[in-house]
PDB file of all heavy atoms in Angstrom:
ATOM      1  N   GLY A   1       0.781  -1.190   0.010  1.00  0.00           N
ATOM      2  CA  GLY A   1       0.018  -0.012   0.048  1.00  0.00           C
ATOM      3  C   GLY A   1       0.870   1.301  -0.020  1.00  0.00           C
ATOM      4  O   GLY A   1       1.975   1.289   0.467  1.00  0.00           O
ATOM      5  N   VAL A   2       0.234   2.319  -0.527  1.00  0.00           N
ATOM      6  CA  VAL A   2       0.883   3.633  -0.513  1.00  0.00           C
ATOM      7  C   VAL A   2      -0.166   4.728  -0.245  1.00  0.00           C
ATOM      8  O   VAL A   2      -1.305   4.508  -0.535  1.00  0.00           O
ATOM      9  CB  VAL A   2       1.657   4.006  -1.845  1.00  0.00           C
ATOM     10  CG1 VAL A   2       2.815   3.063  -2.044  1.00  0.00           C
ATOM     11  CG2 VAL A   2       0.640   3.962  -3.010  1.00  0.00           C
ATOM     12  N   SER A   3       0.302   5.837   0.392  1.00  0.00           N
ATOM     13  CA  SER A   3      -0.618   6.927   0.635  1.00  0.00           C
ATOM     14  C   SER A   3       0.248   8.184   0.533  1.00  0.00           C
ATOM     15  O   SER A   3       1.242   8.334   1.253  1.00  0.00           O
ATOM     16  CB  SER A   3      -1.266   6.807   2.047  1.00  0.00           C
ATOM     17  OG  SER A   3      -2.107   7.850   2.344  1.00  0.00           O
ATOM     18  N   TYR A   4      -0.186   9.128  -0.346  1.00  0.00           N
ATOM     19  CA  TYR A   4       0.548  10.381  -0.520  1.00  0.00           C
ATOM     20  C   TYR A   4      -0.186  11.554  -0.006  1.00  0.00           C
ATOM     21  O   TYR A   4      -1.374  11.830  -0.392  1.00  0.00           O
ATOM     22  CB  TYR A   4       0.862  10.546  -2.047  1.00  0.00           C
ATOM     23  CG  TYR A   4       1.728  11.708  -2.343  1.00  0.00           C
ATOM     24  CD1 TYR A   4       3.115  11.643  -2.075  1.00  0.00           C
ATOM     25  CD2 TYR A   4       1.218  12.865  -2.884  1.00  0.00           C
ATOM     26  CE1 TYR A   4       3.989  12.694  -2.458  1.00  0.00           C
ATOM     27  CE2 TYR A   4       2.065  13.946  -3.218  1.00  0.00           C
ATOM     28  CZ  TYR A   4       3.377  13.866  -2.928  1.00  0.00           C
ATOM     29  OH  TYR A   4       4.249  14.889  -3.238  1.00  0.00           O
ATOM     30  N   VAL A   5       0.392  12.241   1.007  1.00  0.00           N
ATOM     31  CA  VAL A   5      -0.300  13.411   1.580  1.00  0.00           C
ATOM     32  C   VAL A   5       0.779  14.477   1.988  1.00  0.00           C
ATOM     33  O   VAL A   5       1.794  14.043   2.563  1.00  0.00           O
ATOM     34  CB  VAL A   5      -1.151  12.978   2.777  1.00  0.00           C
ATOM     35  CG1 VAL A   5      -0.358  12.233   3.832  1.00  0.00           C
ATOM     36  CG2 VAL A   5      -1.893  14.170   3.381  1.00  0.00           C
ATOM     37  N   ASP A   6       0.471  15.699   1.783  1.00  0.00           N
ATOM     38  CA  ASP A   6       1.385  16.777   2.181  1.00  0.00           C
ATOM     39  C   ASP A   6       2.846  16.567   1.685  1.00  0.00           C
ATOM     40  O   ASP A   6       3.805  16.759   2.463  1.00  0.00           O
ATOM     41  CB  ASP A   6       1.355  16.951   3.707  1.00  0.00           C
ATOM     42  CG  ASP A   6       0.005  17.405   4.232  1.00  0.00           C
ATOM     43  OD1 ASP A   6      -0.784  17.920   3.416  1.00  0.00           O
ATOM     44  OD2 ASP A   6      -0.201  17.262   5.450  1.00  0.00           O
ATOM     45  N   LYS A   7       2.956  16.127   0.510  1.00  0.00           N
ATOM     46  CA  LYS A   7       4.250  15.877  -0.141  1.00  0.00           C
ATOM     47  C   LYS A   7       5.117  14.719   0.589  1.00  0.00           C
ATOM     48  O   LYS A   7       6.332  14.702   0.418  1.00  0.00           O
ATOM     49  CB  LYS A   7       5.088  17.144  -0.179  1.00  0.00           C
ATOM     50  CG  LYS A   7       4.460  18.271  -1.015  1.00  0.00           C
ATOM     51  CD  LYS A   7       5.329  19.493  -1.100  1.00  0.00           C
ATOM     52  CE  LYS A   7       4.645  20.588  -1.941  1.00  0.00           C
ATOM     53  NZ  LYS A   7       5.507  21.800  -2.005  1.00  0.00           N
ATOM     54  N   ILE A   8       4.382  13.885   1.266  1.00  0.00           N
ATOM     55  CA  ILE A   8       5.033  12.747   1.936  1.00  0.00           C
ATOM     56  C   ILE A   8       4.408  11.437   1.464  1.00  0.00           C
ATOM     57  O   ILE A   8       3.183  11.353   1.340  1.00  0.00           O
ATOM     58  CB  ILE A   8       4.863  12.823   3.454  1.00  0.00           C
ATOM     59  CG1 ILE A   8       5.555  14.047   4.061  1.00  0.00           C
ATOM     60  CG2 ILE A   8       5.332  11.557   4.121  1.00  0.00           C
ATOM     61  CD1 ILE A   8       7.072  14.013   3.902  1.00  0.00           C
ATOM     62  N   LEU A   9       5.253  10.520   1.076  1.00  0.00           N
ATOM     63  CA  LEU A   9       4.784   9.197   0.672  1.00  0.00           C
ATOM     64  C   LEU A   9       4.977   8.200   1.787  1.00  0.00           C
ATOM     65  O   LEU A   9       6.037   7.926   2.258  1.00  0.00           O
ATOM     66  CB  LEU A   9       5.572   8.715  -0.597  1.00  0.00           C
ATOM     67  CG  LEU A   9       5.204   7.337  -1.089  1.00  0.00           C
ATOM     68  CD1 LEU A   9       3.803   7.344  -1.746  1.00  0.00           C
ATOM     69  CD2 LEU A   9       6.239   6.838  -2.076  1.00  0.00           C
ATOM     70  N   TRP A  10       3.793   7.632   2.223  1.00  0.00           N
ATOM     71  CA  TRP A  10       3.816   6.561   3.209  1.00  0.00           C
ATOM     72  C   TRP A  10       3.622   5.201   2.398  1.00  0.00           C
ATOM     73  O   TRP A  10       2.799   5.161   1.495  1.00  0.00           O
ATOM     74  CB  TRP A  10       2.682   6.667   4.182  1.00  0.00           C
ATOM     75  CG  TRP A  10       2.692   7.949   4.971  1.00  0.00           C
ATOM     76  CD1 TRP A  10       1.990   9.129   4.674  1.00  0.00           C
ATOM     77  CD2 TRP A  10       3.339   8.212   6.201  1.00  0.00           C
ATOM     78  NE1 TRP A  10       2.229  10.060   5.606  1.00  0.00           N
ATOM     79  CE2 TRP A  10       3.058   9.557   6.560  1.00  0.00           C
ATOM     80  CE3 TRP A  10       4.207   7.482   7.031  1.00  0.00           C
ATOM     81  CZ2 TRP A  10       3.567  10.136   7.685  1.00  0.00           C
ATOM     82  CZ3 TRP A  10       4.698   8.055   8.170  1.00  0.00           C
ATOM     83  CH2 TRP A  10       4.387   9.355   8.489  1.00  0.00           C
ATOM     84  N   ALA A  11       4.411   4.196   2.785  1.00  0.00           N
ATOM     85  CA  ALA A  11       4.334   2.981   2.056  1.00  0.00           C
ATOM     86  C   ALA A  11       4.487   1.790   2.943  1.00  0.00           C
ATOM     87  O   ALA A  11       5.150   1.873   3.984  1.00  0.00           O
ATOM     88  CB  ALA A  11       5.428   2.897   0.938  1.00  0.00           C
ATOM     89  N   THR A  12       3.825   0.639   2.582  1.00  0.00           N
ATOM     90  CA  THR A  12       3.876  -0.550   3.464  1.00  0.00           C
ATOM     91  C   THR A  12       4.226  -1.765   2.591  1.00  0.00           C
ATOM     92  O   THR A  12       3.994  -1.792   1.344  1.00  0.00           O
ATOM     93  CB  THR A  12       2.517  -0.810   4.123  1.00  0.00           C
ATOM     94  OG1 THR A  12       1.452  -0.827   3.138  1.00  0.00           O
ATOM     95  CG2 THR A  12       2.237   0.222   5.172  1.00  0.00           C
ATOM     96  N   THR A  13       4.795  -2.769   3.242  1.00  0.00           N
ATOM     97  CA  THR A  13       5.199  -4.035   2.614  1.00  0.00           C
ATOM     98  C   THR A  13       4.834  -5.156   3.596  1.00  0.00           C
ATOM     99  O   THR A  13       4.360  -4.940   4.679  1.00  0.00           O
ATOM    100  CB  THR A  13       6.688  -4.053   2.279  1.00  0.00           C
ATOM    101  OG1 THR A  13       7.437  -4.331   3.489  1.00  0.00           O
ATOM    102  CG2 THR A  13       7.192  -2.738   1.715  1.00  0.00           C
ATOM    103  N   TYR A  14       5.109  -6.374   3.140  1.00  0.00           N
ATOM    104  CA  TYR A  14       4.966  -7.564   4.030  1.00  0.00           C
ATOM    105  C   TYR A  14       6.085  -7.662   5.035  1.00  0.00           C
ATOM    106  O   TYR A  14       6.043  -8.537   5.872  1.00  0.00           O
ATOM    107  CB  TYR A  14       4.862  -8.820   3.207  1.00  0.00           C
ATOM    108  CG  TYR A  14       3.530  -9.059   2.577  1.00  0.00           C
ATOM    109  CD1 TYR A  14       3.388  -9.925   1.528  1.00  0.00           C
ATOM    110  CD2 TYR A  14       2.364  -8.455   3.034  1.00  0.00           C
ATOM    111  CE1 TYR A  14       2.167 -10.182   0.891  1.00  0.00           C
ATOM    112  CE2 TYR A  14       1.190  -8.670   2.436  1.00  0.00           C
ATOM    113  CZ  TYR A  14       1.044  -9.565   1.410  1.00  0.00           C
ATOM    114  OH  TYR A  14      -0.171  -9.786   0.819  1.00  0.00           O
ATOM    115  N   PHE A  15       7.080  -6.784   4.936  1.00  0.00           N
ATOM    116  CA  PHE A  15       8.234  -6.885   5.853  1.00  0.00           C
ATOM    117  C   PHE A  15       8.639  -5.537   6.460  1.00  0.00           C
ATOM    118  O   PHE A  15       9.797  -5.276   6.681  1.00  0.00           O
ATOM    119  CB  PHE A  15       9.390  -7.499   5.063  1.00  0.00           C
ATOM    120  CG  PHE A  15       9.168  -8.848   4.593  1.00  0.00           C
ATOM    121  CD1 PHE A  15       8.620  -9.131   3.345  1.00  0.00           C
ATOM    122  CD2 PHE A  15       9.431  -9.952   5.449  1.00  0.00           C
ATOM    123  CE1 PHE A  15       8.431 -10.401   2.883  1.00  0.00           C
ATOM    124  CE2 PHE A  15       9.157 -11.256   4.981  1.00  0.00           C
ATOM    125  CZ  PHE A  15       8.678 -11.486   3.755  1.00  0.00           C
ATOM    126  N   GLY A  16       7.630  -4.649   6.671  1.00  0.00           N
ATOM    127  CA  GLY A  16       7.907  -3.368   7.266  1.00  0.00           C
ATOM    128  C   GLY A  16       7.205  -2.238   6.540  1.00  0.00           C
ATOM    129  O   GLY A  16       6.572  -2.480   5.474  1.00  0.00           O
ATOM    130  N   ALA A  17       7.329  -1.035   7.046  1.00  0.00           N
ATOM    131  CA  ALA A  17       6.801   0.138   6.425  1.00  0.00           C
ATOM    132  C   ALA A  17       7.754   1.236   6.308  1.00  0.00           C
ATOM    133  O   ALA A  17       8.856   1.176   6.907  1.00  0.00           O
ATOM    134  CB  ALA A  17       5.533   0.613   7.213  1.00  0.00           C
ATOM    135  N   CYS A  18       7.450   2.321   5.582  1.00  0.00           N
ATOM    136  CA  CYS A  18       8.425   3.443   5.453  1.00  0.00           C
ATOM    137  C   CYS A  18       7.728   4.752   5.097  1.00  0.00           C
ATOM    138  O   CYS A  18       6.574   4.749   4.749  1.00  0.00           O
ATOM    139  CB  CYS A  18       9.454   3.056   4.403  1.00  0.00           C
ATOM    140  SG  CYS A  18       8.789   2.522   2.771  1.00  0.00           S
ATOM    141  N   ARG A  19       8.546   5.816   5.146  1.00  0.00           N
ATOM    142  CA  ARG A  19       8.120   7.151   4.873  1.00  0.00           C
ATOM    143  C   ARG A  19       9.154   7.795   3.988  1.00  0.00           C
ATOM    144  O   ARG A  19      10.350   7.680   4.203  1.00  0.00           O
ATOM    145  CB  ARG A  19       7.980   7.935   6.143  1.00  0.00           C
ATOM    146  CG  ARG A  19       7.564   9.419   6.020  1.00  0.00           C
ATOM    147  CD  ARG A  19       7.646  10.092   7.427  1.00  0.00           C
ATOM    148  NE  ARG A  19       7.167  11.461   7.411  1.00  0.00           N
ATOM    149  CZ  ARG A  19       8.012  12.528   7.168  1.00  0.00           C
ATOM    150  NH1 ARG A  19       9.255  12.354   6.943  1.00  0.00           N
ATOM    151  NH2 ARG A  19       7.435  13.761   7.251  1.00  0.00           N
ATOM    152  N   TYR A  20       8.757   8.475   2.904  1.00  0.00           N
ATOM    153  CA  TYR A  20       9.640   9.098   1.948  1.00  0.00           C
ATOM    154  C   TYR A  20       9.264  10.565   1.792  1.00  0.00           C
ATOM    155  O   TYR A  20       8.140  10.903   1.516  1.00  0.00           O
ATOM    156  CB  TYR A  20       9.588   8.400   0.636  1.00  0.00           C
ATOM    157  CG  TYR A  20      10.520   8.952  -0.418  1.00  0.00           C
ATOM    158  CD1 TYR A  20      11.899   8.987  -0.219  1.00  0.00           C
ATOM    159  CD2 TYR A  20      10.002   9.448  -1.640  1.00  0.00           C
ATOM    160  CE1 TYR A  20      12.743   9.526  -1.188  1.00  0.00           C
ATOM    161  CE2 TYR A  20      10.872  10.010  -2.592  1.00  0.00           C
ATOM    162  CZ  TYR A  20      12.248  10.010  -2.406  1.00  0.00           C
ATOM    163  OH  TYR A  20      13.068  10.465  -3.333  1.00  0.00           O
ATOM    164  N   ASP A  21      10.238  11.483   2.051  1.00  0.00           N
ATOM    165  CA  ASP A  21       9.891  12.938   1.963  1.00  0.00           C
ATOM    166  C   ASP A  21      10.462  13.529   0.714  1.00  0.00           C
ATOM    167  O   ASP A  21      10.500  14.785   0.589  1.00  0.00           O
ATOM    168  CB  ASP A  21      10.565  13.645   3.191  1.00  0.00           C
ATOM    169  CG  ASP A  21      12.064  13.521   3.260  1.00  0.00           C
ATOM    170  OD1 ASP A  21      12.644  13.069   2.302  1.00  0.00           O
ATOM    171  OD2 ASP A  21      12.623  13.957   4.298  1.00  0.00           O
ATOM    172  N   GLY A  22      10.779  12.779  -0.242  1.00  0.00           N
ATOM    173  CA  GLY A  22      11.320  13.302  -1.534  1.00  0.00           C
ATOM    174  C   GLY A  22      12.803  13.167  -1.576  1.00  0.00           C
ATOM    175  O   GLY A  22      13.396  13.289  -2.744  1.00  0.00           O
ATOM    176  N   ARG A  23      13.442  12.944  -0.448  1.00  0.00           N
ATOM    177  CA  ARG A  23      14.880  12.814  -0.449  1.00  0.00           C
ATOM    178  C   ARG A  23      15.360  11.679   0.501  1.00  0.00           C
ATOM    179  O   ARG A  23      16.271  10.935   0.120  1.00  0.00           O
ATOM    180  CB  ARG A  23      15.560  14.150   0.075  1.00  0.00           C
ATOM    181  CG  ARG A  23      17.058  14.110   0.077  1.00  0.00           C
ATOM    182  CD  ARG A  23      17.636  15.447   0.468  1.00  0.00           C
ATOM    183  NE  ARG A  23      19.122  15.452   0.430  1.00  0.00           N
ATOM    184  CZ  ARG A  23      19.854  16.463   0.739  1.00  0.00           C
ATOM    185  NH1 ARG A  23      19.298  17.599   1.191  1.00  0.00           N
ATOM    186  NH2 ARG A  23      21.172  16.424   0.740  1.00  0.00           N
ATOM    187  N   HIS A  24      14.705  11.509   1.602  1.00  0.00           N
ATOM    188  CA  HIS A  24      15.124  10.520   2.571  1.00  0.00           C
ATOM    189  C   HIS A  24      14.032   9.476   2.800  1.00  0.00           C
ATOM    190  O   HIS A  24      12.827   9.820   2.919  1.00  0.00           O
ATOM    191  CB  HIS A  24      15.485  11.140   3.925  1.00  0.00           C
ATOM    192  CG  HIS A  24      16.610  12.185   3.806  1.00  0.00           C
ATOM    193  ND1 HIS A  24      16.358  13.472   3.848  1.00  0.00           N
ATOM    194  CD2 HIS A  24      17.907  11.980   3.695  1.00  0.00           C
ATOM    195  CE1 HIS A  24      17.522  14.132   3.779  1.00  0.00           C
ATOM    196  NE2 HIS A  24      18.491  13.217   3.657  1.00  0.00           N
ATOM    197  N   TRP A  25      14.421   8.217   2.989  1.00  0.00           N
ATOM    198  CA  TRP A  25      13.537   7.134   3.354  1.00  0.00           C
ATOM    199  C   TRP A  25      13.702   6.880   4.825  1.00  0.00           C
ATOM    200  O   TRP A  25      14.851   6.929   5.407  1.00  0.00           O
ATOM    201  CB  TRP A  25      13.874   5.888   2.639  1.00  0.00           C
ATOM    202  CG  TRP A  25      13.415   5.859   1.214  1.00  0.00           C
ATOM    203  CD1 TRP A  25      14.261   6.205   0.123  1.00  0.00           C
ATOM    204  CD2 TRP A  25      12.188   5.504   0.641  1.00  0.00           C
ATOM    205  NE1 TRP A  25      13.557   6.045  -1.053  1.00  0.00           N
ATOM    206  CE2 TRP A  25      12.282   5.645  -0.767  1.00  0.00           C
ATOM    207  CE3 TRP A  25      10.978   5.073   1.164  1.00  0.00           C
ATOM    208  CZ2 TRP A  25      11.229   5.398  -1.612  1.00  0.00           C
ATOM    209  CZ3 TRP A  25       9.921   4.782   0.313  1.00  0.00           C
ATOM    210  CH2 TRP A  25      10.027   4.971  -1.033  1.00  0.00           C
ATOM    211  N   ARG A  26      12.618   6.582   5.545  1.00  0.00           N
ATOM    212  CA  ARG A  26      12.657   6.186   6.969  1.00  0.00           C
ATOM    213  C   ARG A  26      11.828   4.901   7.055  1.00  0.00           C
ATOM    214  O   ARG A  26      10.644   4.896   6.756  1.00  0.00           O
ATOM    215  CB  ARG A  26      12.142   7.320   7.834  1.00  0.00           C
ATOM    216  CG  ARG A  26      11.789   6.894   9.238  1.00  0.00           C
ATOM    217  CD  ARG A  26      13.019   6.611  10.104  1.00  0.00           C
ATOM    218  NE  ARG A  26      12.771   6.656  11.488  1.00  0.00           N
ATOM    219  CZ  ARG A  26      12.378   5.651  12.262  1.00  0.00           C
ATOM    220  NH1 ARG A  26      12.189   4.515  11.672  1.00  0.00           N
ATOM    221  NH2 ARG A  26      12.146   5.795  13.577  1.00  0.00           N
ATOM    222  N   GLY A  27      12.499   3.862   7.591  1.00  0.00           N
ATOM    223  CA  GLY A  27      11.813   2.604   7.760  1.00  0.00           C
ATOM    224  C   GLY A  27      11.197   2.454   9.142  1.00  0.00           C
ATOM    225  O   GLY A  27      11.680   3.053  10.093  1.00  0.00           O
ATOM    226  N   PHE A  28      10.108   1.652   9.252  1.00  0.00           N
ATOM    227  CA  PHE A  28       9.444   1.367  10.529  1.00  0.00           C
ATOM    228  C   PHE A  28       9.280  -0.137  10.668  1.00  0.00           C
ATOM    229  O   PHE A  28       8.742  -0.770   9.843  1.00  0.00           O
ATOM    230  CB  PHE A  28       8.089   2.060  10.617  1.00  0.00           C
ATOM    231  CG  PHE A  28       8.079   3.526  10.344  1.00  0.00           C
ATOM    232  CD1 PHE A  28       7.578   4.035   9.138  1.00  0.00           C
ATOM    233  CD2 PHE A  28       8.575   4.404  11.276  1.00  0.00           C
ATOM    234  CE1 PHE A  28       7.602   5.419   8.864  1.00  0.00           C
ATOM    235  CE2 PHE A  28       8.597   5.792  11.019  1.00  0.00           C
ATOM    236  CZ  PHE A  28       8.090   6.242   9.861  1.00  0.00           C
ATOM    237  N   PHE A  29       9.802  -0.622  11.807  1.00  0.00           N
ATOM    238  CA  PHE A  29       9.767  -2.073  12.012  1.00  0.00           C
ATOM    239  C   PHE A  29       9.324  -2.388  13.476  1.00  0.00           C
ATOM    240  O   PHE A  29       9.492  -1.567  14.385  1.00  0.00           O
ATOM    241  CB  PHE A  29      11.150  -2.670  11.802  1.00  0.00           C
ATOM    242  CG  PHE A  29      11.710  -2.411  10.470  1.00  0.00           C
ATOM    243  CD1 PHE A  29      12.535  -1.327  10.205  1.00  0.00           C
ATOM    244  CD2 PHE A  29      11.365  -3.213   9.358  1.00  0.00           C
ATOM    245  CE1 PHE A  29      13.059  -1.043   8.963  1.00  0.00           C
ATOM    246  CE2 PHE A  29      11.888  -2.924   8.093  1.00  0.00           C
ATOM    247  CZ  PHE A  29      12.692  -1.853   7.874  1.00  0.00           C
ATOM    248  N   LYS A  30       8.770  -3.575  13.649  1.00  0.00           N
ATOM    249  CA  LYS A  30       8.264  -3.984  14.930  1.00  0.00           C
ATOM    250  C   LYS A  30       9.336  -3.961  15.971  1.00  0.00           C
ATOM    251  O   LYS A  30       9.107  -3.623  17.181  1.00  0.00           O
ATOM    252  CB  LYS A  30       7.681  -5.399  14.805  1.00  0.00           C
ATOM    253  CG  LYS A  30       7.071  -5.886  16.130  1.00  0.00           C
ATOM    254  CD  LYS A  30       6.479  -7.317  15.995  1.00  0.00           C
ATOM    255  CE  LYS A  30       5.953  -7.813  17.326  1.00  0.00           C
ATOM    256  NZ  LYS A  30       5.367  -9.130  17.246  1.00  0.00           N
ATOM    257  N   GLN A  31      10.562  -4.409  15.646  1.00  0.00           N
ATOM    258  CA  GLN A  31      11.660  -4.472  16.581  1.00  0.00           C
ATOM    259  C   GLN A  31      11.996  -3.143  17.171  1.00  0.00           C
ATOM    260  O   GLN A  31      12.605  -3.057  18.256  1.00  0.00           O
ATOM    261  CB  GLN A  31      12.864  -5.064  15.920  1.00  0.00           C
ATOM    262  CG  GLN A  31      13.502  -4.189  14.801  1.00  0.00           C
ATOM    263  CD  GLN A  31      14.598  -4.859  14.062  1.00  0.00           C
ATOM    264  OE1 GLN A  31      14.533  -6.103  13.894  1.00  0.00           O
ATOM    265  NE2 GLN A  31      15.590  -4.146  13.614  1.00  0.00           N
ATOM    266  N   GLU A  32      11.623  -1.996  16.509  1.00  0.00           N
ATOM    267  CA  GLU A  32      11.901  -0.692  17.096  1.00  0.00           C
ATOM    268  C   GLU A  32      10.929  -0.311  18.137  1.00  0.00           C
ATOM    269  O   GLU A  32      11.098   0.654  18.929  1.00  0.00           O
ATOM    270  CB  GLU A  32      11.778   0.369  15.976  1.00  0.00           C
ATOM    271  CG  GLU A  32      12.886   0.226  14.898  1.00  0.00           C
ATOM    272  CD  GLU A  32      12.688   1.257  13.824  1.00  0.00           C
ATOM    273  OE1 GLU A  32      11.541   1.758  13.617  1.00  0.00           O
ATOM    274  OE2 GLU A  32      13.649   1.610  13.126  1.00  0.00           O
TER     275      GLU A  32
END
């Protein structure tokens, strides 16, 4: 899945999720 709002791309996978601001990616994981 993806969701684009306020120039930010949120994305999900079967192995984690992430946020992209046009330059940097930030991953999100359960272990965090």
